[in-house]
Amino acid sequence: MTADPAPVPSELSPESMHQAVRVAFGLYMMLLNLILVYLLIKIWPGKVPVDSTEQIAVFGTNSTFT
């Protein structure tokens, strides 16, 4: 049983994404980065070292990080 050889890169015709898909993907990536920055700022401890009983509210719920 033999496998077909891989196609030569020059024989492949690349298809570019539509403009709307590129814009949607870019907005999605920017939204993910904004959420990451928000979470980093929200969770970052106000003082170091952090008390073991300190609770942090993320998305309206209190979480204890030990």
N, C-alpha and C. Protein backbone atom coordinates (compact mmCIF):
# COMPACT_ATOMS: atom_id res chain seq x y z
N MET A 1 0.85 -1.16 0.00
CA MET A 1 0.00 0.00 0.00
C MET A 1 0.90 1.24 0.00
N THR A 2 0.74 2.07 -0.98
CA THR A 2 1.58 3.26 -1.07
C THR A 2 0.72 4.51 -0.91
N ALA A 3 1.33 5.51 -0.36
CA ALA A 3 0.63 6.78 -0.15
C ALA A 3 0.91 7.70 -1.33
N ASP A 4 -0.03 8.58 -1.61
CA ASP A 4 0.17 9.56 -2.67
C ASP A 4 1.22 10.57 -2.21
N PRO A 5 2.07 11.00 -3.12
CA PRO A 5 3.07 12.00 -2.72
C PRO A 5 2.39 13.32 -2.38
N ALA A 6 3.03 14.06 -1.52
CA ALA A 6 2.49 15.37 -1.12
C ALA A 6 2.51 16.30 -2.32
N PRO A 7 1.48 17.12 -2.46
CA PRO A 7 1.46 18.05 -3.61
C PRO A 7 2.56 19.10 -3.48
N VAL A 8 3.06 19.50 -4.62
CA VAL A 8 4.08 20.54 -4.65
C VAL A 8 3.41 21.86 -4.28
N PRO A 9 4.03 22.68 -3.41
CA PRO A 9 3.39 23.93 -2.97
C PRO A 9 2.95 24.84 -4.11
N SER A 10 3.66 24.82 -5.23
CA SER A 10 3.28 25.71 -6.33
C SER A 10 1.99 25.24 -7.01
N GLU A 11 1.61 23.98 -6.81
CA GLU A 11 0.39 23.46 -7.42
C GLU A 11 -0.86 23.80 -6.59
N LEU A 12 -0.67 24.17 -5.34
CA LEU A 12 -1.81 24.49 -4.48
C LEU A 12 -2.25 25.92 -4.75
N SER A 13 -3.55 26.11 -4.83
CA SER A 13 -4.05 27.47 -5.02
C SER A 13 -4.58 27.99 -3.69
N PRO A 14 -3.88 28.92 -3.06
CA PRO A 14 -4.35 29.43 -1.76
C PRO A 14 -5.61 30.26 -1.94
N GLU A 15 -6.53 30.07 -1.01
CA GLU A 15 -7.75 30.86 -1.03
C GLU A 15 -7.69 31.82 0.16
N SER A 16 -7.84 33.09 -0.13
CA SER A 16 -7.81 34.06 0.96
C SER A 16 -9.18 34.14 1.62
N MET A 17 -9.15 34.54 2.88
CA MET A 17 -10.40 34.71 3.61
C MET A 17 -11.15 35.93 3.09
N HIS A 18 -12.44 35.92 3.22
CA HIS A 18 -13.23 37.07 2.85
C HIS A 18 -12.95 38.21 3.83
N GLN A 19 -13.18 39.41 3.37
CA GLN A 19 -12.93 40.59 4.20
C GLN A 19 -13.74 40.54 5.50
N ALA A 20 -14.99 40.11 5.43
CA ALA A 20 -15.84 40.07 6.62
C ALA A 20 -15.32 39.06 7.64
N VAL A 21 -14.77 37.95 7.17
CA VAL A 21 -14.22 36.93 8.08
C VAL A 21 -12.98 37.47 8.77
N ARG A 22 -12.14 38.18 8.02
CA ARG A 22 -10.93 38.76 8.62
C ARG A 22 -11.28 39.80 9.67
N VAL A 23 -12.26 40.65 9.39
CA VAL A 23 -12.67 41.67 10.34
C VAL A 23 -13.27 41.02 11.58
N ALA A 24 -14.12 40.01 11.39
CA ALA A 24 -14.74 39.33 12.53
C ALA A 24 -13.68 38.65 13.39
N PHE A 25 -12.71 38.00 12.76
CA PHE A 25 -11.64 37.33 13.52
C PHE A 25 -10.80 38.35 14.28
N GLY A 26 -10.49 39.48 13.66
CA GLY A 26 -9.72 40.52 14.33
C GLY A 26 -10.46 41.10 15.53
N LEU A 27 -11.76 41.35 15.37
CA LEU A 27 -12.56 41.86 16.49
C LEU A 27 -12.64 40.83 17.61
N TYR A 28 -12.76 39.56 17.25
CA TYR A 28 -12.80 38.49 18.24
C TYR A 28 -11.49 38.44 19.04
N MET A 29 -10.36 38.56 18.36
CA MET A 29 -9.07 38.55 19.04
C MET A 29 -8.90 39.77 19.95
N MET A 30 -9.37 40.93 19.50
CA MET A 30 -9.29 42.13 20.34
C MET A 30 -10.18 41.99 21.57
N LEU A 31 -11.35 41.39 21.41
CA LEU A 31 -12.24 41.16 22.54
C LEU A 31 -11.59 40.21 23.56
N LEU A 32 -10.97 39.14 23.08
CA LEU A 32 -10.29 38.21 23.99
C LEU A 32 -9.16 38.90 24.75
N ASN A 33 -8.41 39.78 24.07
CA ASN A 33 -7.33 40.50 24.74
C ASN A 33 -7.86 41.47 25.78
N LEU A 34 -8.97 42.13 25.49
CA LEU A 34 -9.57 43.04 26.46
C LEU A 34 -10.06 42.28 27.70
N ILE A 35 -10.64 41.12 27.49
CA ILE A 35 -11.08 40.29 28.62
C ILE A 35 -9.89 39.85 29.45
N LEU A 36 -8.80 39.47 28.79
CA LEU A 36 -7.59 39.06 29.52
C LEU A 36 -7.04 40.21 30.36
N VAL A 37 -6.95 41.40 29.79
CA VAL A 37 -6.45 42.56 30.53
C VAL A 37 -7.37 42.88 31.70
N TYR A 38 -8.69 42.83 31.47
CA TYR A 38 -9.65 43.08 32.55
C TYR A 38 -9.44 42.09 33.70
N LEU A 39 -9.31 40.81 33.37
CA LEU A 39 -9.13 39.81 34.42
C LEU A 39 -7.81 40.00 35.16
N LEU A 40 -6.75 40.34 34.44
CA LEU A 40 -5.47 40.57 35.10
C LEU A 40 -5.54 41.75 36.06
N ILE A 41 -6.21 42.82 35.65
CA ILE A 41 -6.35 43.99 36.52
C ILE A 41 -7.26 43.68 37.70
N LYS A 42 -8.34 42.95 37.45
CA LYS A 42 -9.32 42.65 38.50
C LYS A 42 -8.74 41.70 39.56
N ILE A 43 -7.99 40.72 39.13
CA ILE A 43 -7.48 39.69 40.05
C ILE A 43 -6.17 40.12 40.71
N TRP A 44 -5.45 41.07 40.11
CA TRP A 44 -4.14 41.45 40.63
C TRP A 44 -4.27 41.88 42.10
N PRO A 45 -3.42 41.34 42.97
CA PRO A 45 -3.54 41.67 44.40
C PRO A 45 -3.21 43.14 44.66
N GLY A 46 -3.98 43.72 45.59
CA GLY A 46 -3.75 45.12 45.95
C GLY A 46 -2.50 45.30 46.79
N LYS A 47 -2.16 44.28 47.54
CA LYS A 47 -0.94 44.35 48.35
C LYS A 47 -0.29 42.97 48.37
N VAL A 48 0.98 42.97 48.57
CA VAL A 48 1.75 41.73 48.60
C VAL A 48 2.40 41.64 49.96
N PRO A 49 2.39 40.58 50.71
CA PRO A 49 1.72 39.31 50.41
C PRO A 49 0.22 39.39 50.63
N VAL A 50 -0.51 38.57 49.92
CA VAL A 50 -1.97 38.56 49.99
C VAL A 50 -2.40 37.74 51.19
N ASP A 51 -3.41 38.24 51.92
CA ASP A 51 -3.96 37.47 53.04
C ASP A 51 -4.63 36.21 52.51
N SER A 52 -4.55 35.14 53.26
CA SER A 52 -5.14 33.87 52.81
C SER A 52 -6.66 33.91 52.86
N THR A 53 -7.24 34.89 53.55
CA THR A 53 -8.70 34.97 53.65
C THR A 53 -9.29 36.00 52.69
N GLU A 54 -8.45 36.64 51.90
CA GLU A 54 -8.93 37.68 50.99
C GLU A 54 -9.76 37.06 49.86
N GLN A 55 -10.89 37.69 49.57
CA GLN A 55 -11.75 37.22 48.49
C GLN A 55 -11.79 38.26 47.39
N ILE A 56 -11.87 37.79 46.16
CA ILE A 56 -11.89 38.66 45.00
C ILE A 56 -13.17 38.39 44.23
N ALA A 57 -13.89 39.44 43.86
CA ALA A 57 -15.13 39.28 43.09
C ALA A 57 -14.81 39.31 41.60
N VAL A 58 -15.08 38.20 40.93
CA VAL A 58 -14.89 38.09 39.49
C VAL A 58 -16.22 37.71 38.89
N PHE A 59 -16.74 38.52 37.99
CA PHE A 59 -18.02 38.31 37.34
C PHE A 59 -19.15 38.19 38.38
N GLY A 60 -19.08 38.96 39.45
CA GLY A 60 -20.14 39.00 40.44
C GLY A 60 -20.09 37.92 41.49
N THR A 61 -19.14 37.00 41.44
CA THR A 61 -19.03 35.95 42.44
C THR A 61 -17.71 36.12 43.18
N ASN A 62 -17.73 35.80 44.46
CA ASN A 62 -16.52 35.89 45.27
C ASN A 62 -15.72 34.60 45.14
N SER A 63 -14.44 34.76 44.89
CA SER A 63 -13.54 33.60 44.77
C SER A 63 -12.40 33.79 45.75
N THR A 64 -12.02 32.70 46.40
CA THR A 64 -10.89 32.73 47.31
C THR A 64 -9.72 32.00 46.65
N PHE A 65 -8.60 32.68 46.52
CA PHE A 65 -7.42 32.08 45.93
C PHE A 65 -6.44 31.76 47.05
N THR A 66 -6.10 30.51 47.17
CA THR A 66 -5.15 30.10 48.23
C THR A 66 -3.87 29.60 47.64
